[in-house]
Amino acid sequence: MSTIISILCTACSNCQPAEYKSNPELNFVKPDWKGNIVINGRFQNGTIAEKAPFWEPLKWKLSANPQRREKSNEVYRLPVCYFDNLSDGDGIIWLGHSTFIIQINGVRIITDPVFGNIPATKRKVDFPCNPDSLVNIDYMLVSHDHRDHFDKKSINRLMANNPDIRIMAPLNAKRLFDGKIPEKIQLQEAGWYQEYKSEENIRIIFLPARHWGRRGLNDFNKTLWGSFLIISGNTKIFFAGDSAYDDELYKDIHRIFGDIDICLLPIGSYAPQWFMSKTHMNPEEAMMAFTDLGGQLFIPMHYGAFDMSDEPLGEPIKRLRKCSSNSRNMAQIKELTIGEKLLISEPHQQEAVSIPAGSLSFQIYMSFTKKFHDFHNFSSCFILYIILIFFVNIFYKQFSRHFV
């Protein structure tokens, strides 16, 4: 009897009450937010304690993939635009998966650095440059601890080439570095709705995501996960990290910050839906998140680089094209080539232009439809586009005569 009582007492002592955690040195952007909920030393998405998944992943791995034949017959590879060095000027470069270079107002940022293969998973697309050429980077943003977002070899290489880089990461992320952060490199940890300390010309805020964390057998949800909002001048860029769709989450971000100019949103790793939907959004849900955020430009990510789920590599972008054409949001989506740079500038002054820049008519079309999208009148935009092209052609003919 005494043994039973002892066991019960031990079990009760292990059931710790929920507590709220945050970084006391950082400010909240949401006044009524108390901090992230932690139960038994593990971060939570909600108020109910989550357990490390075991049976569900096992069931998935032992189940037949209904798209197996489609995957085996698929010939899909993301195109790559190779470059030698980072150029100056504000812009966004997709390096593959969830890794981006973001240059804005003289500040250079990298997100979730992964330069090559990860354990048990081979990279399916070339890295567009020599990773050693990624220098003069001011900030590294780390969304969570999964190996396709936090790769130690890539991060160590990045820190070696950028001795003054500052790391913006979630709560309890310091453990991921194994105590190997050089002295000069600053690491800031933040909870949801907290703003990092940064240079005066840029703001970086850590925001929620519906996901989880784990790297080993016994560290489930020991490190927080989340998304980032970058604000410089009047430009707002949202980097979603990894997340399931949650309408209240994205609508809440919109309530606090208003319309987001550029949204970097994941669209892959969603199959099988019964398992993945708790932690990843599919293309249709990503479009809903974009709408909830009041997004102006949607850059899809998290597809085509690593095969980590049941859907074929090329399916996510095909589904996104289909759902965006159905909802008439096609002009708001920018599919970046790996290594391509999208030039950005202050909103309402000049529209985003990509390098390599497409045809003249396509750029004019993109600019006009984006200018008028708030009126939800695509037909009017198209008529104006036709009229504009008509006058451009007349001008071109008149101009060309002087050189005949």
Protein backbone atom coordinates (compact mmCIF):
# COMPACT_ATOMS: atom_id res chain seq x y z
CA MET A 1 0.00 0.00 0.00
CA SER A 2 2.78 2.42 0.88
CA THR A 3 4.42 1.66 -2.50
CA ILE A 4 1.20 2.62 -4.36
CA ILE A 5 0.91 5.86 -2.37
CA SER A 6 4.55 6.65 -3.15
CA ILE A 7 3.98 6.13 -6.89
CA LEU A 8 0.87 8.34 -6.84
CA CYS A 9 2.72 11.09 -5.00
CA THR A 10 5.57 10.94 -7.52
CA ALA A 11 3.13 11.14 -10.44
CA CYS A 12 1.35 14.13 -8.92
CA SER A 13 4.62 15.90 -8.29
CA ASN A 14 5.45 15.49 -11.99
CA CYS A 15 2.16 17.11 -13.07
CA GLN A 16 3.30 20.69 -12.74
CA PRO A 17 0.78 23.51 -13.17
CA ALA A 18 0.87 25.61 -16.32
CA GLU A 19 3.11 28.66 -16.25
CA TYR A 20 3.68 31.58 -18.60
CA LYS A 21 7.13 32.19 -20.04
CA SER A 22 8.61 35.12 -21.94
CA ASN A 23 11.82 37.12 -22.13
CA PRO A 24 11.51 39.79 -19.41
CA GLU A 25 14.00 42.01 -21.25
CA LEU A 26 11.78 42.32 -24.35
CA ASN A 27 8.56 44.25 -24.87
CA PHE A 28 5.21 42.76 -25.83
CA VAL A 29 3.38 44.07 -28.91
CA LYS A 30 0.11 42.61 -27.60
CA PRO A 31 -0.72 44.28 -24.27
CA ASP A 32 -2.97 41.52 -22.88
CA TRP A 33 -0.56 38.68 -23.72
CA LYS A 34 0.85 36.94 -20.61
CA GLY A 35 3.46 34.78 -22.31
CA ASN A 36 3.77 31.28 -23.73
CA ILE A 37 2.13 28.44 -21.84
CA VAL A 38 4.57 25.86 -20.49
CA ILE A 39 3.42 22.60 -18.88
CA ASN A 40 5.93 20.17 -17.39
CA GLY A 41 8.75 22.13 -19.01
CA ARG A 42 7.25 21.87 -22.51
CA PHE A 43 5.82 24.68 -24.64
CA GLN A 44 2.24 24.32 -25.84
CA ASN A 45 0.10 25.57 -28.73
CA GLY A 46 -2.90 25.94 -26.40
CA THR A 47 -3.92 25.30 -22.81
CA ILE A 48 -4.03 21.48 -23.03
CA ALA A 49 -0.79 19.57 -22.52
CA GLU A 50 0.44 17.94 -25.72
CA LYS A 51 2.22 14.59 -25.74
CA ALA A 52 5.08 13.61 -28.00
CA PRO A 53 3.59 11.85 -31.04
CA PHE A 54 4.48 8.17 -31.33
CA TRP A 55 1.65 6.04 -32.73
CA GLU A 56 0.58 8.51 -35.42
CA PRO A 57 4.03 8.73 -37.10
CA LEU A 58 4.30 4.94 -36.86
CA LYS A 59 0.87 4.49 -38.44
CA TRP A 60 1.86 6.88 -41.24
CA LYS A 61 5.15 5.11 -41.99
CA LEU A 62 3.45 1.70 -42.02
CA SER A 63 0.59 2.87 -44.26
CA ALA A 64 0.61 2.73 -48.06
CA ASN A 65 1.00 6.06 -49.82
CA PRO A 66 -1.92 6.50 -52.25
CA GLN A 67 0.30 8.79 -54.35
CA ARG A 68 3.27 6.42 -54.46
CA ARG A 69 3.04 5.70 -58.19
CA GLU A 70 2.50 9.38 -59.00
CA LYS A 71 5.62 10.26 -56.99
CA SER A 72 7.75 7.60 -58.64
CA ASN A 73 6.72 8.76 -62.14
CA GLU A 74 7.13 12.45 -61.39
CA VAL A 75 9.86 14.42 -63.15
CA TYR A 76 10.03 17.69 -61.24
CA ARG A 77 12.93 19.90 -60.32
CA LEU A 78 12.89 23.51 -59.20
CA PRO A 79 14.83 25.79 -61.55
CA VAL A 80 17.95 27.47 -60.16
CA CYS A 81 19.39 30.90 -60.92
CA TYR A 82 23.03 30.68 -59.81
CA PHE A 83 24.92 33.70 -58.49
CA ASP A 84 28.42 34.39 -57.15
CA ASN A 85 27.87 37.11 -54.55
CA LEU A 86 25.02 38.97 -52.90
CA SER A 87 24.23 42.22 -54.67
CA ASP A 88 23.29 45.48 -52.97
CA GLY A 89 19.78 46.88 -52.98
CA ASP A 90 16.60 45.92 -51.16
CA GLY A 91 15.25 42.57 -52.20
CA ILE A 92 14.37 38.98 -51.32
CA ILE A 93 16.27 35.92 -52.57
CA TRP A 94 14.89 32.41 -52.12
CA LEU A 95 17.73 29.97 -51.42
CA GLY A 96 15.36 26.99 -51.21
CA HIS A 97 12.90 25.47 -48.71
CA SER A 98 12.57 28.09 -45.91
CA THR A 99 15.91 29.84 -46.40
CA PHE A 100 15.73 33.43 -47.66
CA ILE A 101 18.05 36.40 -47.85
CA ILE A 102 16.06 39.54 -47.08
CA GLN A 103 17.76 42.91 -47.69
CA ILE A 104 15.81 45.95 -46.58
CA ASN A 105 16.87 49.48 -45.67
CA GLY A 106 20.54 48.50 -45.62
CA VAL A 107 19.95 45.49 -43.30
CA ARG A 108 20.69 41.93 -44.48
CA ILE A 109 18.76 39.02 -42.91
CA ILE A 110 18.82 35.25 -43.41
CA THR A 111 16.01 32.89 -42.37
CA ASP A 112 16.29 29.24 -41.23
CA PRO A 113 19.71 28.53 -42.83
CA VAL A 114 19.95 25.11 -44.51
CA PHE A 115 22.59 24.84 -47.25
CA GLY A 116 22.68 21.13 -48.14
CA ASN A 117 21.44 17.69 -47.16
CA ILE A 118 19.91 17.08 -43.75
CA PRO A 119 20.02 13.83 -41.73
CA ALA A 120 18.17 11.03 -43.57
CA THR A 121 16.95 13.43 -46.28
CA LYS A 122 18.79 14.43 -49.45
CA ARG A 123 18.29 17.89 -50.92
CA LYS A 124 16.49 17.72 -54.28
CA VAL A 125 17.65 21.05 -55.68
CA ASP A 126 21.06 22.73 -55.95
CA PHE A 127 22.02 25.51 -53.60
CA PRO A 128 22.32 28.61 -55.84
CA CYS A 129 25.69 29.85 -54.56
CA ASN A 130 28.74 28.97 -52.53
CA PRO A 131 27.52 29.27 -48.91
CA ASP A 132 30.80 31.02 -48.06
CA SER A 133 29.70 33.93 -50.24
CA LEU A 134 26.85 34.71 -47.81
CA VAL A 135 28.66 37.45 -45.87
CA ASN A 136 27.88 40.78 -44.21
CA ILE A 137 24.66 39.34 -42.80
CA ASP A 138 23.26 41.30 -39.87
CA TYR A 139 20.56 38.97 -38.52
CA MET A 140 19.81 35.24 -38.53
CA LEU A 141 16.17 34.33 -37.85
CA VAL A 142 15.50 30.84 -36.46
CA SER A 143 11.84 29.77 -36.45
CA HIS A 144 12.17 26.39 -34.66
CA ASP A 145 14.41 23.42 -34.03
CA HIS A 146 13.44 20.92 -36.74
CA ARG A 147 16.37 19.78 -38.85
CA ASP A 148 15.01 21.15 -42.13
CA HIS A 149 14.99 24.62 -40.51
CA PHE A 150 17.88 24.44 -38.04
CA ASP A 151 20.91 22.73 -39.56
CA LYS A 152 23.96 22.89 -37.30
CA LYS A 153 26.55 22.53 -40.07
CA SER A 154 24.98 25.36 -42.08
CA ILE A 155 24.64 27.59 -39.03
CA ASN A 156 28.21 27.00 -37.86
CA ARG A 157 29.47 27.83 -41.35
CA LEU A 158 27.35 30.98 -41.41
CA MET A 159 28.62 32.14 -38.01
CA ALA A 160 32.23 31.52 -39.06
CA ASN A 161 31.76 33.79 -42.11
CA ASN A 162 29.71 36.40 -40.22
CA PRO A 163 31.39 36.94 -36.83
CA ASP A 164 29.12 39.92 -36.00
CA ILE A 165 25.80 38.29 -36.91
CA ARG A 166 22.96 38.59 -34.40
CA ILE A 167 20.66 35.62 -33.87
CA MET A 168 16.92 36.08 -33.27
CA ALA A 169 15.43 32.84 -31.98
CA PRO A 170 12.58 31.37 -29.90
CA LEU A 171 12.63 30.81 -26.15
CA ASN A 172 15.07 28.11 -25.02
CA ALA A 173 16.88 28.04 -28.37
CA LYS A 174 20.32 28.48 -26.79
CA ARG A 175 20.45 24.73 -26.07
CA LEU A 176 20.45 24.04 -29.83
CA PHE A 177 23.91 25.59 -30.25
CA ASP A 178 25.63 23.23 -27.78
CA GLY A 179 27.38 26.18 -26.15
CA LYS A 180 29.35 26.87 -29.33
CA ILE A 181 28.23 30.42 -30.03
CA PRO A 182 31.28 32.69 -30.50
CA GLU A 183 31.61 35.45 -27.91
CA LYS A 184 30.94 38.31 -30.32
CA ILE A 185 27.67 36.81 -31.59
CA GLN A 186 24.55 37.92 -29.73
CA LEU A 187 21.64 35.53 -29.28
CA GLN A 188 18.22 36.90 -28.34
CA GLU A 189 15.36 34.59 -27.38
CA ALA A 190 11.76 35.75 -27.58
CA GLY A 191 8.28 34.47 -26.84
CA TRP A 192 5.28 35.08 -29.04
CA TYR A 193 4.29 38.72 -29.50
CA GLN A 194 7.67 39.97 -28.30
CA GLU A 195 9.87 42.43 -30.18
CA TYR A 196 13.62 41.84 -30.38
CA LYS A 197 16.12 44.60 -29.71
CA SER A 198 17.43 45.67 -33.11
CA GLU A 199 18.76 48.62 -35.06
CA GLU A 200 16.64 51.75 -35.24
CA ASN A 201 15.80 51.33 -38.93
CA ILE A 202 14.26 47.87 -38.53
CA ARG A 203 11.84 46.04 -36.22
CA ILE A 204 11.75 42.24 -35.81
CA ILE A 205 8.84 40.68 -33.92
CA PHE A 206 8.38 37.03 -32.96
CA LEU A 207 4.82 35.83 -33.57
CA PRO A 208 2.84 32.60 -33.14
CA ALA A 209 2.73 29.50 -35.32
CA ARG A 210 0.82 26.21 -34.87
CA HIS A 211 3.65 23.70 -34.84
CA TRP A 212 5.93 21.79 -32.46
CA GLY A 213 9.58 21.17 -31.70
CA ARG A 214 11.89 18.19 -31.39
CA ARG A 215 15.41 17.08 -32.30
CA GLY A 216 16.03 14.06 -30.07
CA LEU A 217 14.16 11.41 -28.12
CA ASN A 218 13.49 13.43 -24.99
CA ASP A 219 13.27 17.10 -26.01
CA PHE A 220 9.70 17.31 -27.36
CA ASN A 221 8.58 20.97 -27.28
CA LYS A 222 11.54 22.01 -25.14
CA THR A 223 12.21 24.90 -27.55
CA LEU A 224 9.47 27.24 -28.71
CA TRP A 225 8.51 27.68 -32.39
CA GLY A 226 7.04 30.65 -34.22
CA SER A 227 7.01 33.15 -37.09
CA PHE A 228 8.55 36.58 -37.71
CA LEU A 229 7.38 40.00 -38.81
CA ILE A 230 10.02 42.36 -40.23
CA ILE A 231 9.10 46.04 -40.40
CA SER A 232 11.22 48.72 -42.04
CA GLY A 233 9.72 52.07 -42.93
CA ASN A 234 6.29 51.32 -44.34
CA THR A 235 7.21 47.82 -45.54
CA LYS A 236 6.07 44.73 -43.61
CA ILE A 237 7.40 41.25 -44.43
CA PHE A 238 5.96 38.15 -42.74
CA PHE A 239 7.99 34.92 -42.55
CA ALA A 240 5.71 32.10 -41.38
CA GLY A 241 8.30 29.42 -40.54
CA ASP A 242 6.32 26.16 -40.28
CA SER A 243 2.67 26.17 -39.23
CA ALA A 244 -0.73 24.59 -39.53
CA TYR A 245 -3.54 26.89 -40.61
CA ASP A 246 -5.29 28.77 -37.82
CA ASP A 247 -7.62 31.55 -38.87
CA GLU A 248 -7.64 33.25 -35.47
CA LEU A 249 -3.85 33.29 -35.36
CA TYR A 250 -3.42 35.10 -38.69
CA LYS A 251 -6.43 37.37 -38.19
CA ASP A 252 -4.97 38.38 -34.83
CA ILE A 253 -1.67 39.34 -36.48
CA HIS A 254 -3.63 41.41 -38.99
CA ARG A 255 -5.58 43.13 -36.19
CA ILE A 256 -2.33 44.22 -34.56
CA PHE A 257 -0.26 45.18 -37.62
CA GLY A 258 -2.73 45.75 -40.46
CA ASP A 259 -2.12 44.58 -44.05
CA ILE A 260 1.15 42.74 -44.65
CA ASP A 261 3.04 43.73 -47.81
CA ILE A 262 4.95 40.49 -48.45
CA CYS A 263 4.04 37.07 -47.00
CA LEU A 264 6.50 34.16 -47.14
CA LEU A 265 4.20 31.18 -46.54
CA PRO A 266 4.77 27.38 -46.57
CA ILE A 267 2.74 25.28 -49.00
CA GLY A 268 4.29 21.77 -48.80
CA SER A 269 4.56 18.73 -46.47
CA TYR A 270 0.79 18.36 -46.03
CA ALA A 271 0.14 14.71 -46.96
CA PRO A 272 -1.29 12.61 -45.47
CA GLN A 273 -3.77 15.26 -44.39
CA TRP A 274 -5.03 13.30 -41.35
CA PHE A 275 -1.54 13.48 -39.84
CA MET A 276 0.13 16.58 -41.27
CA SER A 277 -2.77 19.04 -40.93
CA LYS A 278 -2.02 19.54 -37.22
CA THR A 279 1.37 21.07 -38.00
CA HIS A 280 1.46 22.03 -41.71
CA MET A 281 -0.86 23.95 -44.02
CA ASN A 282 -1.71 22.89 -47.54
CA PRO A 283 -1.72 25.34 -50.50
CA GLU A 284 -5.40 26.19 -50.13
CA GLU A 285 -4.94 26.90 -46.43
CA ALA A 286 -1.86 29.00 -47.19
CA MET A 287 -4.03 31.12 -49.48
CA MET A 288 -6.54 31.55 -46.64
CA ALA A 289 -3.70 32.59 -44.31
CA PHE A 290 -2.57 35.12 -46.93
CA THR A 291 -6.10 36.55 -47.05
CA ASP A 292 -6.35 36.64 -43.24
CA LEU A 293 -3.09 38.60 -43.09
CA GLY A 294 -4.34 41.16 -45.60
CA GLY A 295 -1.41 40.11 -47.77
CA GLN A 296 -0.38 42.09 -50.84
CA LEU A 297 2.24 39.71 -52.31
CA PHE A 298 2.50 35.94 -51.62
CA ILE A 299 5.87 34.17 -52.01
CA PRO A 300 5.42 30.39 -51.59
CA MET A 301 8.11 28.37 -49.82
CA HIS A 302 8.68 25.00 -48.10
CA TYR A 303 8.28 22.87 -51.23
CA GLY A 304 10.46 21.24 -53.86
CA ALA A 305 13.71 21.02 -51.88
CA PHE A 306 13.15 18.10 -49.48
CA ASP A 307 10.89 15.08 -49.88
CA MET A 308 9.45 14.71 -46.38
CA SER A 309 5.79 13.80 -46.94
CA ASP A 310 3.47 11.78 -49.19
CA GLU A 311 2.63 14.36 -51.87
CA PRO A 312 4.76 14.62 -55.05
CA LEU A 313 7.34 17.43 -54.97
CA GLY A 314 5.63 19.46 -57.68
CA GLU A 315 2.06 19.11 -56.41
CA PRO A 316 2.05 22.00 -53.88
CA ILE A 317 2.79 24.72 -56.45
CA LYS A 318 0.29 23.25 -58.93
CA ARG A 319 -2.44 23.29 -56.29
CA LEU A 320 -1.54 26.85 -55.32
CA ARG A 321 -1.80 27.99 -58.95
CA LYS A 322 -5.18 26.34 -59.27
CA CYS A 323 -6.70 27.77 -56.10
CA SER A 324 -5.26 31.25 -56.78
CA SER A 325 -6.67 31.30 -60.31
CA ASN A 326 -10.06 30.25 -58.96
CA SER A 327 -9.98 33.07 -56.41
CA ARG A 328 -8.51 35.62 -58.87
CA ASN A 329 -5.42 36.09 -56.69
CA MET A 330 -2.98 34.96 -59.39
CA ALA A 331 -1.41 38.41 -59.75
CA GLN A 332 -0.59 38.50 -56.04
CA ILE A 333 1.52 35.32 -56.13
CA LYS A 334 5.21 35.47 -57.01
CA GLU A 335 6.88 32.11 -57.61
CA LEU A 336 10.57 32.74 -57.08
CA THR A 337 13.22 30.70 -58.86
CA ILE A 338 15.89 29.43 -56.48
CA GLY A 339 18.50 32.19 -56.41
CA GLU A 340 16.24 34.80 -58.01
CA LYS A 341 16.09 38.26 -56.44
CA LEU A 342 12.81 40.09 -56.04
CA LEU A 343 13.41 43.82 -55.75
CA ILE A 344 11.30 45.53 -53.11
CA SER A 345 10.63 49.16 -52.32
CA GLU A 346 8.27 51.26 -50.26
CA PRO A 347 4.65 50.19 -50.79
CA HIS A 348 2.42 52.41 -52.91
CA GLN A 349 5.48 53.96 -54.58
CA GLN A 350 6.87 51.23 -56.80
CA GLU A 351 5.79 47.64 -57.29
CA ALA A 352 8.03 44.64 -56.74
CA VAL A 353 10.09 43.73 -59.80
CA SER A 354 11.97 40.45 -60.11
CA ILE A 355 15.37 39.67 -61.61
CA PRO A 356 15.41 38.16 -64.17
CA ALA A 357 12.55 40.54 -65.01
CA GLY A 358 9.91 39.00 -67.27
CA SER A 359 8.32 40.67 -70.26
CA LEU A 360 7.40 44.35 -70.19
CA SER A 361 3.70 43.59 -70.58
CA PHE A 362 3.75 41.13 -67.68
CA GLN A 363 5.37 43.70 -65.38
CA ILE A 364 2.78 46.32 -66.36
CA TYR A 365 0.01 43.79 -65.82
CA MET A 366 1.36 42.83 -62.37
CA SER A 367 1.67 46.47 -61.36
CA PHE A 368 -1.80 47.45 -62.52
CA THR A 369 -3.66 44.47 -61.05
CA LYS A 370 -1.91 44.96 -57.72
CA LYS A 371 -2.70 48.69 -57.69
CA PHE A 372 -6.37 47.97 -58.19
CA HIS A 373 -6.79 44.73 -56.24
CA ASP A 374 -8.33 46.55 -53.27
CA PHE A 375 -11.34 47.32 -55.46
CA HIS A 376 -11.78 43.61 -56.26
CA ASN A 377 -12.48 44.47 -59.88
CA PHE A 378 -10.23 42.37 -62.05
CA SER A 379 -12.12 43.10 -65.28
CA SER A 380 -11.52 46.85 -64.93
CA CYS A 381 -7.82 46.22 -64.36
CA PHE A 382 -7.65 44.08 -67.47
CA ILE A 383 -9.30 46.77 -69.61
CA LEU A 384 -6.88 49.38 -68.27
CA TYR A 385 -4.03 46.99 -68.99
CA ILE A 386 -5.15 46.61 -72.63
CA ILE A 387 -5.46 50.39 -73.01
CA LEU A 388 -2.01 50.93 -71.50
CA ILE A 389 -0.39 48.34 -73.78
CA PHE A 390 -2.09 50.02 -76.78
CA PHE A 391 -0.49 53.37 -75.95
CA VAL A 392 2.87 51.74 -75.16
CA ASN A 393 2.88 50.14 -78.62
CA ILE A 394 2.08 53.49 -80.28
CA PHE A 395 4.90 55.15 -78.36
CA TYR A 396 7.28 52.33 -79.26
CA LYS A 397 6.48 52.65 -82.99
CA GLN A 398 6.96 56.42 -82.95
CA PHE A 399 10.20 56.09 -81.00
CA SER A 400 11.57 53.37 -83.27
CA ARG A 401 11.21 55.53 -86.40
CA HIS A 402 14.02 57.78 -85.21
CA PHE A 403 16.45 54.86 -85.36
CA VAL A 404 15.48 53.34 -88.72
